[in-house]
């Protein structure tokens, strides 16, 4: 796929890699751990890229006088180090996103000043640590939103003056082009989906003649040539809010997402299928019609909600519930399909004597003589996204809702809107996990039936006499790795209990290998 002529410069790094194992009846087993000690105030944490059975690559950006190098560490599945090194990056560039493809880690960088639309792609061979850089030249300075990698191209989507733009960069010809049809009207790209054969789909949400938010589903070949466009219009006074898709073995395209009366709050799910000729069928399901949508609530509250729904139905009144949802990718589930969405709401706090600066983690005094900004008494400051629950729904090829379930997400608040719940499907069960502070929370379901109720398991350190300090989960992530293993990563503050009090504290970046 890629050739390379430049080698990483290897350097040593202080790290700890420790083996430990424990097994508790009914719990997962944390079988390995890797640690990197962190200095006081150090906050440029590693990000973790998975290559399944080939291991992991840790990467982060460092800061130096002449450049901002990438620090890389390759680990095998036993969390043993295979190679490590640095790649120099110009200080005018800032890291955007990372993707994996086959044996390669691709890091995309953009210009900090946004004076042009140029990008830098760094493609790293996971086995050798060798790399090659690609300069992506583009005349339009736009704000990127996402990028994906195909067999021979990078696809970058973003916005210029609230108008979507899509860049196709060929890794073979090293030429970039703007795909036509996106730069004319305002709209929102809800999905960029790539496939193993190099083709890709883009779903655009924009207003139709009736001022409703509809979906433009566009299919492209590997060279970025448009193959087909399907426009899906909502019915009645509905608007599409989000959409995710996948293509089946027989060429049908399944789409699922959220709809609502307006453009932010969802009132239910929709499922659609598009055949090879571009004909589609679609079904809508109100949240109040779903059997287990409110199962994340306490039993008494769930019962009151359902009783209220029945009373409204008996009076012939519409059932309306509004939620903000973050949609996951569609996944196959036997002969059917699985859709997952996470409910969230923006959370704001009222400043009193102190407020948190947007540019630093320190607290500043609210005294106007000490700071350049004094918040008004009525100001509210964004304090993160508060998650409440995830919904899981199964549907068939005819867009029929087969079953639904819910998974409560307790106490989780995050400054970035990202997927918290990780989902893995087997032949007869679905496993749901998320990482909160110093614990892993999980639930196992079989369609609408709960096989294993929700449980919480602490993230273990490499010694039995250390405990993670509560409410100190920084930059934590949890992913399914390979086979029945997960990888949990993040930052922990660890202390040893000593005569009823805690002893000295240490702060580490950790990776835990977890067996289901």
Protein backbone atom coordinates (compact mmCIF):
# COMPACT_ATOMS: atom_id res chain seq x y z
CA UNK A 1 0.00 0.00 0.00
CA UNK A 2 2.69 2.53 1.01
CA UNK A 3 6.41 2.82 0.34
CA UNK A 4 8.85 4.42 2.74
CA UNK A 5 12.32 5.84 2.65
CA UNK A 6 12.65 7.60 6.02
CA UNK A 7 13.31 5.83 9.28
CA UNK A 8 12.22 6.79 12.79
CA UNK A 9 14.97 7.89 15.11
CA UNK A 10 14.87 5.60 18.12
CA UNK A 11 15.26 6.85 21.64
CA UNK A 12 14.70 5.38 25.06
CA UNK A 13 11.78 6.27 27.26
CA UNK A 14 11.21 5.39 30.87
CA UNK A 15 8.30 3.01 31.20
CA UNK A 16 7.01 0.18 33.32
CA UNK A 17 5.36 -2.94 31.98
CA UNK A 18 4.03 -5.27 34.60
CA UNK A 19 2.11 -8.53 34.44
CA UNK A 20 -0.66 -9.28 36.82
CA UNK A 21 -3.80 -11.38 36.72
CA UNK A 22 -6.83 -11.91 38.84
CA UNK A 23 -10.12 -13.63 38.30
CA UNK A 24 -13.29 -12.99 40.26
CA UNK A 25 -16.39 -15.01 39.64
CA UNK A 26 -18.67 -13.08 37.28
CA UNK A 27 -16.03 -10.44 36.50
CA UNK A 28 -13.65 -9.75 33.65
CA UNK A 29 -9.97 -10.54 34.11
CA UNK A 30 -7.39 -7.75 33.87
CA UNK A 31 -4.45 -9.78 32.63
CA UNK A 32 -1.74 -7.22 31.77
CA UNK A 33 -0.86 -3.63 32.49
CA UNK A 34 1.55 -1.09 31.01
CA UNK A 35 2.48 2.14 32.77
CA UNK A 36 4.29 5.35 31.86
CA UNK A 37 5.01 7.59 34.89
CA UNK A 38 3.83 11.20 34.43
CA UNK A 39 5.50 14.31 35.75
CA UNK A 40 3.68 16.88 37.86
CA UNK A 41 1.54 19.02 35.56
CA UNK A 42 2.17 16.83 32.50
CA UNK A 43 -1.01 16.71 30.41
CA UNK A 44 -0.02 15.72 26.88
CA UNK A 45 -1.29 12.17 27.14
CA UNK A 46 -0.86 9.25 24.76
CA UNK A 47 -3.57 8.21 22.37
CA UNK A 48 -3.91 4.50 21.59
CA UNK A 49 -4.33 2.98 18.12
CA UNK A 50 -5.30 -0.69 17.86
CA UNK A 51 -4.01 -3.12 15.22
CA UNK A 52 -5.90 -6.12 16.61
CA UNK A 53 -3.62 -9.17 17.00
CA UNK A 54 -0.63 -7.10 15.85
CA UNK A 55 -0.66 -4.95 18.97
CA UNK A 56 -1.02 -1.26 19.80
CA UNK A 57 0.70 2.00 18.91
CA UNK A 58 0.83 4.79 21.49
CA UNK A 59 1.31 8.30 20.08
CA UNK A 60 1.37 11.80 21.49
CA UNK A 61 2.68 15.26 20.56
CA UNK A 62 5.61 16.71 22.51
CA UNK A 63 6.77 20.32 22.55
CA UNK A 64 10.34 21.36 21.73
CA UNK A 65 11.98 24.66 20.75
CA UNK A 66 12.45 23.81 17.06
CA UNK A 67 9.60 21.32 16.42
CA UNK A 68 6.69 19.45 18.00
CA UNK A 69 7.75 15.82 17.61
CA UNK A 70 5.45 12.81 17.65
CA UNK A 71 6.42 10.27 20.29
CA UNK A 72 5.57 6.68 19.31
CA UNK A 73 5.65 3.39 21.22
CA UNK A 74 4.68 0.04 19.68
CA UNK A 75 3.41 -2.69 22.04
CA UNK A 76 2.57 -6.32 21.26
CA UNK A 77 -0.50 -8.08 22.65
CA UNK A 78 1.39 -8.91 25.87
CA UNK A 79 2.02 -5.14 26.26
CA UNK A 80 5.75 -5.65 25.67
CA UNK A 81 7.56 -2.88 23.84
CA UNK A 82 8.60 -3.67 20.24
CA UNK A 83 9.91 -0.29 19.10
CA UNK A 84 9.78 3.38 20.01
CA UNK A 85 10.86 6.65 18.45
CA UNK A 86 10.13 10.24 17.41
CA UNK A 87 9.07 12.02 14.22
CA UNK A 88 9.75 15.76 13.89
CA UNK A 89 6.68 17.87 13.00
CA UNK A 90 6.81 21.55 12.06
CA UNK A 91 5.57 23.85 14.84
CA UNK A 92 3.11 25.53 12.45
CA UNK A 93 1.10 22.29 12.32
CA UNK A 94 -1.37 20.94 14.87
CA UNK A 95 -2.60 17.36 15.25
CA UNK A 96 -6.14 16.75 13.98
CA UNK A 97 -7.07 13.05 14.00
CA UNK A 98 -5.62 9.54 13.68
CA UNK A 99 -6.87 6.53 11.73
CA UNK A 100 -5.65 2.97 11.19
CA UNK A 101 -5.77 1.01 7.94
CA UNK A 102 -4.36 -2.51 7.55
CA UNK A 103 -0.72 -2.23 8.80
CA UNK A 104 -0.56 1.56 8.95
CA UNK A 105 -1.27 4.38 11.38
CA UNK A 106 -2.21 7.62 9.63
CA UNK A 107 -1.87 10.92 11.52
CA UNK A 108 -3.36 14.04 9.95
CA UNK A 109 -2.06 17.54 10.72
CA UNK A 110 -3.46 20.94 9.79
CA UNK A 111 -2.01 24.46 9.80
CA UNK A 112 -2.65 26.30 13.06
CA UNK A 113 -3.20 29.70 11.44
CA UNK A 114 -5.71 28.38 8.88
CA UNK A 115 -4.04 30.52 6.20
CA UNK A 116 -4.61 27.76 3.66
CA UNK A 117 -6.28 24.40 3.28
CA UNK A 118 -3.07 22.39 3.24
CA UNK A 119 -2.58 19.30 5.40
CA UNK A 120 0.18 16.88 6.28
CA UNK A 121 -0.47 13.12 6.50
CA UNK A 122 2.09 10.97 8.31
CA UNK A 123 1.75 7.27 7.43
CA UNK A 124 3.55 4.93 9.88
CA UNK A 125 4.24 1.23 9.37
CA UNK A 126 3.13 -0.52 12.56
CA UNK A 127 5.60 -3.40 12.21
CA UNK A 128 8.79 -1.48 11.44
CA UNK A 129 8.22 2.05 12.69
CA UNK A 130 9.17 3.46 9.30
CA UNK A 131 7.08 6.29 7.87
CA UNK A 132 6.41 8.54 4.91
CA UNK A 133 4.89 12.03 4.78
CA UNK A 134 2.31 13.33 2.30
CA UNK A 135 1.77 17.05 1.71
CA UNK A 136 -1.89 17.64 0.82
CA UNK A 137 -2.20 20.94 -1.05
CA UNK A 138 -5.62 22.54 -1.20
CA UNK A 139 -6.53 26.15 -2.00
CA UNK A 140 -9.61 26.44 0.25
CA UNK A 141 -8.92 27.09 3.98
CA UNK A 142 -11.76 25.12 5.61
CA UNK A 143 -12.42 23.72 9.08
CA UNK A 144 -12.00 19.92 9.02
CA UNK A 145 -14.58 17.75 10.79
CA UNK A 146 -13.45 14.20 10.04
CA UNK A 147 -11.23 12.13 7.78
CA UNK A 148 -11.10 8.50 6.70
CA UNK A 149 -8.66 6.34 4.76
CA UNK A 150 -9.43 3.98 1.87
CA UNK A 151 -7.09 1.61 0.00
CA UNK A 152 -5.48 4.44 -1.95
CA UNK A 153 -6.92 7.73 -0.75
CA UNK A 154 -7.63 10.07 2.14
CA UNK A 155 -11.10 11.61 2.37
CA UNK A 156 -11.33 14.83 4.42
CA UNK A 157 -14.70 16.45 5.14
CA UNK A 158 -15.25 19.86 6.70
CA UNK A 159 -16.95 23.24 6.37
CA UNK A 160 -16.26 26.60 4.76
CA UNK A 161 -18.67 29.40 5.69
CA UNK A 162 -21.18 26.80 7.00
CA UNK A 163 -21.04 24.97 3.67
CA UNK A 164 -19.77 21.38 3.52
CA UNK A 165 -16.65 20.54 1.55
CA UNK A 166 -15.08 17.15 0.72
CA UNK A 167 -11.43 16.65 -0.30
CA UNK A 168 -10.26 13.45 -2.05
CA UNK A 169 -6.48 12.96 -1.89
CA UNK A 170 -4.96 10.12 -3.92
CA UNK A 171 -2.00 8.44 -2.23
CA UNK A 172 -0.91 7.09 -5.63
CA UNK A 173 -0.98 10.27 -7.73
CA UNK A 174 -0.49 12.64 -4.75
CA UNK A 175 -3.24 14.87 -6.17
CA UNK A 176 -6.08 16.47 -4.20
CA UNK A 177 -9.47 17.39 -5.61
CA UNK A 178 -12.66 18.91 -4.23
CA UNK A 179 -15.66 16.67 -4.83
CA UNK A 180 -18.44 18.58 -6.61
CA UNK A 181 -21.92 19.16 -5.20
CA UNK A 182 -21.07 20.10 -1.60
CA UNK A 183 -19.90 23.69 -1.76
CA UNK A 184 -23.09 25.30 -3.05
CA UNK A 185 -25.61 25.18 -0.19
CA UNK A 186 -25.54 24.94 3.57
CA UNK A 187 -25.75 21.43 4.97
CA UNK A 188 -24.26 18.99 7.45
CA UNK A 189 -22.34 15.81 6.70
CA UNK A 190 -23.70 13.18 9.09
CA UNK A 191 -21.51 10.27 7.96
CA UNK A 192 -18.39 9.44 5.98
CA UNK A 193 -18.28 5.67 5.51
CA UNK A 194 -15.50 3.69 3.77
CA UNK A 195 -15.48 0.09 2.56
CA UNK A 196 -12.70 -2.52 2.08
CA UNK A 197 -12.83 -2.25 -1.74
CA UNK A 198 -11.95 1.46 -1.59
CA UNK A 199 -15.44 2.83 -2.25
CA UNK A 200 -17.05 5.24 0.17
CA UNK A 201 -20.39 6.85 0.99
CA UNK A 202 -21.25 10.32 2.24
CA UNK A 203 -24.59 11.20 3.85
CA UNK A 204 -25.47 14.89 3.76
CA UNK A 205 -28.31 16.45 5.76
CA UNK A 206 -29.81 19.59 4.19
CA UNK A 207 -33.14 21.32 3.64
CA UNK A 208 -35.43 20.41 0.74
CA UNK A 209 -37.95 22.67 -1.00
CA UNK A 210 -40.40 22.19 1.88
CA UNK A 211 -37.69 23.41 4.35
CA UNK A 212 -37.43 19.95 5.92
CA UNK A 213 -34.08 18.37 6.72
CA UNK A 214 -33.73 15.45 4.31
CA UNK A 215 -30.83 13.08 3.49
CA UNK A 216 -28.66 12.98 0.38
CA UNK A 217 -26.98 9.56 0.25
CA UNK A 218 -24.09 9.62 -2.21
CA UNK A 219 -22.05 6.56 -3.24
CA UNK A 220 -18.53 6.94 -4.73
CA UNK A 221 -16.01 4.62 -6.35
CA UNK A 222 -12.37 4.38 -5.18
CA UNK A 223 -11.30 7.34 -7.35
CA UNK A 224 -13.97 9.65 -5.92
CA UNK A 225 -16.32 9.45 -8.90
CA UNK A 226 -20.01 9.74 -7.98
CA UNK A 227 -21.89 6.50 -8.69
CA UNK A 228 -25.36 7.21 -7.34
CA UNK A 229 -27.34 9.75 -5.30
CA UNK A 230 -30.48 8.88 -3.33
CA UNK A 231 -32.56 11.61 -1.68
CA UNK A 232 -34.60 10.46 1.33
CA UNK A 233 -37.39 12.81 2.39
CA UNK A 234 -39.04 12.65 5.83
CA UNK A 235 -42.78 12.37 6.19
CA UNK A 236 -45.19 14.86 7.78
CA UNK A 237 -43.50 17.51 9.92
CA UNK A 238 -40.43 15.40 10.70
CA UNK A 239 -36.77 16.34 10.20
CA UNK A 240 -33.79 14.02 10.02
CA UNK A 241 -31.21 14.71 12.74
CA UNK A 242 -28.59 11.96 12.27
CA UNK A 243 -28.00 9.00 9.98
CA UNK A 244 -25.61 6.03 9.83
CA UNK A 245 -25.40 3.41 7.09
CA UNK A 246 -23.93 0.11 5.94
CA UNK A 247 -24.05 -1.93 2.73
CA UNK A 248 -25.17 -5.58 2.80
CA UNK A 249 -23.73 -8.47 0.80
CA UNK A 250 -26.53 -8.21 -1.79
CA UNK A 251 -25.91 -4.51 -2.41
CA UNK A 252 -28.71 -3.06 -0.28
CA UNK A 253 -27.88 -0.05 1.86
CA UNK A 254 -29.35 0.07 5.37
CA UNK A 255 -29.69 3.44 7.11
CA UNK A 256 -30.68 4.23 10.69
CA UNK A 257 -30.72 7.36 12.79
CA UNK A 258 -32.75 9.92 14.68
CA UNK A 259 -35.60 12.18 13.63
CA UNK A 260 -37.37 15.04 15.40
CA UNK A 261 -39.84 17.86 15.02
CA UNK A 262 -36.97 20.32 14.97
CA UNK A 263 -33.30 19.97 14.14
CA UNK A 264 -31.63 19.22 17.50
CA UNK A 265 -33.86 17.16 19.78
CA UNK A 266 -34.80 13.64 18.70
CA UNK A 267 -38.30 12.21 19.10
CA UNK A 268 -37.60 8.74 17.78
CA UNK A 269 -35.69 6.39 15.49
CA UNK A 270 -36.01 5.75 11.78
CA UNK A 271 -34.84 2.81 9.70
CA UNK A 272 -34.56 2.77 5.91
CA UNK A 273 -33.32 0.47 3.16
CA UNK A 274 -32.17 1.48 -0.34
CA UNK A 275 -32.04 -1.12 -3.12
CA UNK A 276 -29.62 -1.16 -6.06
CA UNK A 277 -32.06 0.87 -8.19
CA UNK A 278 -32.17 3.71 -5.63
CA UNK A 279 -35.68 2.90 -4.37
CA UNK A 280 -36.10 3.14 -0.62
CA UNK A 281 -38.51 2.24 2.16
CA UNK A 282 -38.55 3.94 5.54
CA UNK A 283 -40.21 3.49 8.96
CA UNK A 284 -40.39 5.84 11.98
CA UNK A 285 -40.63 4.80 15.64
CA UNK A 286 -41.49 7.27 18.39
CA UNK A 287 -39.57 6.82 21.66
CA UNK A 288 -42.90 6.33 23.46
CA UNK A 289 -43.65 3.30 21.25
CA UNK A 290 -40.48 1.47 22.25
CA UNK A 291 -40.85 -1.16 24.97
CA UNK A 292 -37.61 -0.66 26.87
CA UNK A 293 -36.56 2.89 26.03
CA UNK A 294 -37.08 4.02 29.65
CA UNK A 295 -35.42 0.98 31.25
CA UNK A 296 -32.46 3.16 32.30
CA UNK A 297 -34.73 4.86 34.87
CA UNK A 298 -35.50 3.65 38.36
CA UNK A 299 -38.47 1.21 38.36
CA UNK A 300 -40.97 3.62 39.93
CA UNK A 301 -40.14 6.45 37.55
CA UNK A 302 -40.24 4.12 34.54
CA UNK A 303 -43.67 2.88 35.63
CA UNK A 304 -45.00 6.45 35.98
CA UNK A 305 -43.71 7.38 32.51
CA UNK A 306 -45.33 4.34 30.91
CA UNK A 307 -48.63 5.02 32.70
CA UNK A 308 -48.58 8.57 31.40
CA UNK A 309 -47.98 7.27 27.85
CA UNK A 310 -50.98 4.95 28.11
CA UNK A 311 -53.21 7.77 29.39
CA UNK A 312 -52.22 10.04 26.51
CA UNK A 313 -52.83 7.27 23.98
CA UNK A 314 -56.27 6.58 25.49
CA UNK A 315 -57.15 10.26 24.98
CA UNK A 316 -55.88 10.21 21.41
CA UNK A 317 -53.00 12.56 22.18
CA UNK A 318 -49.54 12.32 20.65
CA UNK A 319 -46.67 10.99 22.74
CA UNK A 320 -43.69 13.34 22.63
CA UNK A 321 -40.28 12.85 24.24
CA UNK A 322 -37.26 14.90 23.22
CA UNK A 323 -33.62 13.86 23.67
CA UNK A 324 -30.24 14.74 22.22
CA UNK A 325 -28.57 11.60 20.85
CA UNK A 326 -25.14 10.73 19.52
CA UNK A 327 -25.51 7.97 16.92
CA UNK A 328 -23.10 5.03 16.54
CA UNK A 329 -22.18 3.16 13.38
CA UNK A 330 -24.52 0.41 12.20
CA UNK A 331 -23.29 -3.15 12.76
CA UNK A 332 -24.60 -6.48 11.46
CA UNK A 333 -26.34 -8.69 14.01
CA UNK A 334 -26.93 -12.15 12.55
CA UNK A 335 -29.33 -11.62 9.64
CA UNK A 336 -30.40 -8.28 11.10
CA UNK A 337 -28.77 -5.01 12.16
CA UNK A 338 -27.94 -3.17 15.34
CA UNK A 339 -28.20 0.55 16.03
CA UNK A 340 -26.85 2.28 19.15
CA UNK A 341 -27.28 5.87 20.29
CA UNK A 342 -26.19 7.71 23.44
CA UNK A 343 -28.37 10.33 25.10
CA UNK A 344 -26.64 13.47 26.36
CA UNK A 345 -27.32 17.08 27.31
CA UNK A 346 -24.99 20.10 27.52
CA UNK A 347 -24.33 21.02 31.14
CA UNK A 348 -23.65 24.56 32.34
CA UNK A 349 -22.49 25.83 35.71
CA UNK A 350 -22.98 29.19 37.37
CA UNK A 351 -19.73 30.96 38.42
CA UNK A 352 -19.52 32.16 42.00
CA UNK A 353 -16.12 33.15 43.38
CA UNK A 354 -14.07 31.18 40.88
CA UNK A 355 -14.35 30.07 37.31
CA UNK A 356 -12.35 27.78 35.10
CA UNK A 357 -10.52 29.44 32.26
CA UNK A 358 -11.10 28.09 28.75
CA UNK A 359 -7.37 28.14 28.11
CA UNK A 360 -5.90 26.59 31.22
CA UNK A 361 -6.74 24.02 33.86
CA UNK A 362 -6.02 26.46 36.69
CA UNK A 363 -8.67 28.33 38.66
CA UNK A 364 -8.56 32.10 38.56
CA UNK A 365 -9.91 34.53 41.09
CA UNK A 366 -13.06 36.33 40.03
CA UNK A 367 -11.55 39.62 41.27
CA UNK A 368 -11.53 42.00 38.26
CA UNK A 369 -8.21 43.47 39.41
CA UNK A 370 -6.58 40.07 39.09
CA UNK A 371 -8.03 38.85 35.81
CA UNK A 372 -8.77 40.37 32.42
CA UNK A 373 -12.30 38.90 32.39
CA UNK A 374 -14.89 39.10 35.14
CA UNK A 375 -17.98 36.98 34.42
CA UNK A 376 -21.33 38.62 34.97
CA UNK A 377 -23.40 37.28 37.82
CA UNK A 378 -25.90 35.87 35.31
CA UNK A 379 -23.31 34.15 33.11
CA UNK A 380 -23.27 30.39 32.71
CA UNK A 381 -20.15 28.47 31.75
CA UNK A 382 -20.22 25.27 29.71
CA UNK A 383 -19.24 22.41 32.00
CA UNK A 384 -19.34 19.42 29.66
CA UNK A 385 -21.80 16.96 28.14
CA UNK A 386 -23.79 14.93 30.66
CA UNK A 387 -24.63 11.41 29.47
CA UNK A 388 -27.74 9.61 30.71
CA UNK A 389 -28.20 6.33 28.80
CA UNK A 390 -27.68 4.42 25.58
CA UNK A 391 -30.41 2.80 23.51
CA UNK A 392 -29.82 -0.39 21.53
CA UNK A 393 -32.25 -1.37 18.79
CA UNK A 394 -32.39 -4.34 16.41
CA UNK A 395 -34.08 -4.05 13.01
CA UNK A 396 -34.40 -6.20 9.89
CA UNK A 397 -33.89 -5.65 6.14
CA UNK A 398 -37.43 -4.31 5.80
CA UNK A 399 -36.76 -1.54 8.36
CA UNK A 400 -38.92 -3.21 11.03
CA UNK A 401 -38.00 -2.60 14.67
CA UNK A 402 -37.53 -6.05 16.22
CA UNK A 403 -36.53 -5.17 19.78
CA UNK A 404 -35.00 -2.44 21.90
CA UNK A 405 -33.08 -2.13 25.15
CA UNK A 406 -31.35 0.51 27.27
CA UNK A 407 -28.09 0.87 29.18
CA UNK A 408 -27.86 3.50 31.89
CA UNK A 409 -24.75 5.74 31.86
CA UNK A 410 -24.33 7.07 35.37
CA UNK A 411 -22.32 10.15 36.37
CA UNK A 412 -20.43 10.50 33.08
CA UNK A 413 -19.66 14.03 31.95
CA UNK A 414 -17.15 14.82 29.22
CA UNK A 415 -15.92 18.08 27.69
CA UNK A 416 -15.80 16.50 24.22
CA UNK A 417 -18.86 14.92 22.61
CA UNK A 418 -17.69 11.39 21.84
CA UNK A 419 -18.97 7.83 22.04
CA UNK A 420 -18.67 6.46 25.55
CA UNK A 421 -20.37 3.08 25.27
CA UNK A 422 -18.52 0.31 23.42
CA UNK A 423 -20.59 -2.46 21.87
CA UNK A 424 -19.63 -5.98 20.81
CA UNK A 425 -22.07 -8.45 19.27
CA UNK A 426 -21.90 -12.24 19.33
CA UNK A 427 -24.31 -14.82 17.97
CA UNK A 428 -26.60 -14.70 21.00
CA UNK A 429 -25.58 -11.69 23.08
CA UNK A 430 -24.49 -8.05 23.01
CA UNK A 431 -21.87 -6.77 25.44
CA UNK A 432 -21.93 -3.10 26.49
CA UNK A 433 -19.07 -1.37 28.29
CA UNK A 434 -17.99 2.12 29.28
CA UNK A 435 -15.14 3.52 31.35
CA UNK A 436 -15.91 5.94 34.15
CA UNK A 437 -13.12 7.43 36.25
CA UNK A 438 -11.38 4.40 37.77
CA UNK A 439 -13.90 1.68 36.94
CA UNK A 440 -15.33 -0.31 34.02
CA UNK A 441 -19.09 -0.62 33.88
CA UNK A 442 -20.70 -3.35 31.82
CA UNK A 443 -23.97 -5.02 30.91
CA UNK A 444 -24.79 -8.02 28.72
CA UNK A 445 -28.09 -8.33 26.88
CA UNK A 446 -29.77 -10.74 24.52
CA UNK A 447 -32.06 -8.56 22.44
CA UNK A 448 -34.55 -7.10 24.93
CA UNK A 449 -33.52 -9.49 27.75
CA UNK A 450 -30.80 -8.61 30.26
CA UNK A 451 -28.47 -11.61 30.68
CA UNK A 452 -25.96 -9.99 33.06
CA UNK A 453 -27.14 -6.86 34.91
CA UNK A 454 -24.98 -3.78 35.16
CA UNK A 455 -21.82 -4.14 37.22
CA UNK A 456 -18.82 -1.99 38.04
CA UNK A 457 -15.23 -3.19 38.26
CA UNK A 458 -12.26 -1.03 39.34
CA UNK A 459 -9.23 -0.50 37.11
CA UNK A 460 -6.43 -2.36 38.85
CA UNK A 461 -2.88 -1.06 39.23
CA UNK A 462 0.21 -3.26 39.05
CA UNK A 463 0.23 -3.78 42.81
CA UNK A 464 -2.49 -5.01 45.11
CA UNK A 465 -1.97 -2.28 47.73
CA UNK A 466 -2.71 0.75 45.50
CA UNK A 467 -6.07 2.36 44.86
CA UNK A 468 -7.13 4.78 42.17
CA UNK A 469 -8.10 8.17 43.58
CA UNK A 470 -11.76 8.82 42.88
CA UNK A 471 -12.83 11.40 40.30
CA UNK A 472 -9.48 11.42 38.58
CA UNK A 473 -10.21 9.69 35.28
CA UNK A 474 -8.36 11.86 32.75
CA UNK A 475 -8.39 11.23 29.00
CA UNK A 476 -9.71 7.72 29.60
CA UNK A 477 -10.73 5.43 26.74
CA UNK A 478 -12.03 1.88 26.37
CA UNK A 479 -12.04 -0.14 23.15
CA UNK A 480 -12.60 -3.71 22.04
CA UNK A 481 -9.20 -4.97 20.97
CA UNK A 482 -9.14 -8.50 19.52
CA UNK A 483 -10.86 -11.83 20.24
CA UNK A 484 -12.39 -11.44 23.73
CA UNK A 485 -10.00 -8.72 24.89
CA UNK A 486 -10.56 -5.04 25.59
CA UNK A 487 -7.99 -2.32 26.14
CA UNK A 488 -8.55 0.40 28.75
CA UNK A 489 -6.25 3.42 28.72
CA UNK A 490 -5.98 6.73 30.50
CA UNK A 491 -4.48 8.54 33.47
CA UNK A 492 -4.66 7.43 37.10
CA UNK A 493 -3.58 8.91 40.38
CA UNK A 494 -2.65 6.03 42.67
CA UNK A 495 -2.19 5.98 46.44
CA UNK A 496 -1.44 3.35 49.05
CA UNK A 497 -3.73 3.26 52.09
CA UNK A 498 -1.61 3.72 55.20
CA UNK A 499 -3.06 3.48 58.72
CA UNK A 500 -6.41 4.81 57.59
CA UNK A 501 -4.77 7.53 55.49
CA UNK A 502 -3.22 7.61 52.07
CA UNK A 503 0.52 7.50 51.59
CA UNK A 504 2.53 9.09 48.74
CA UNK A 505 0.77 9.51 45.42
CA UNK A 506 1.95 8.66 41.93
CA UNK A 507 0.40 9.59 38.59
CA UNK A 508 0.68 7.32 35.54
CA UNK A 509 -0.60 6.80 32.04
CA UNK A 510 -1.88 3.23 32.00
CA UNK A 511 -2.99 0.55 29.58
CA UNK A 512 -4.89 -2.45 30.96
CA UNK A 513 -5.57 -5.54 28.88
CA UNK A 514 -8.93 -6.99 29.91
CA UNK A 515 -10.41 -10.38 29.07
CA UNK A 516 -14.21 -10.62 28.94
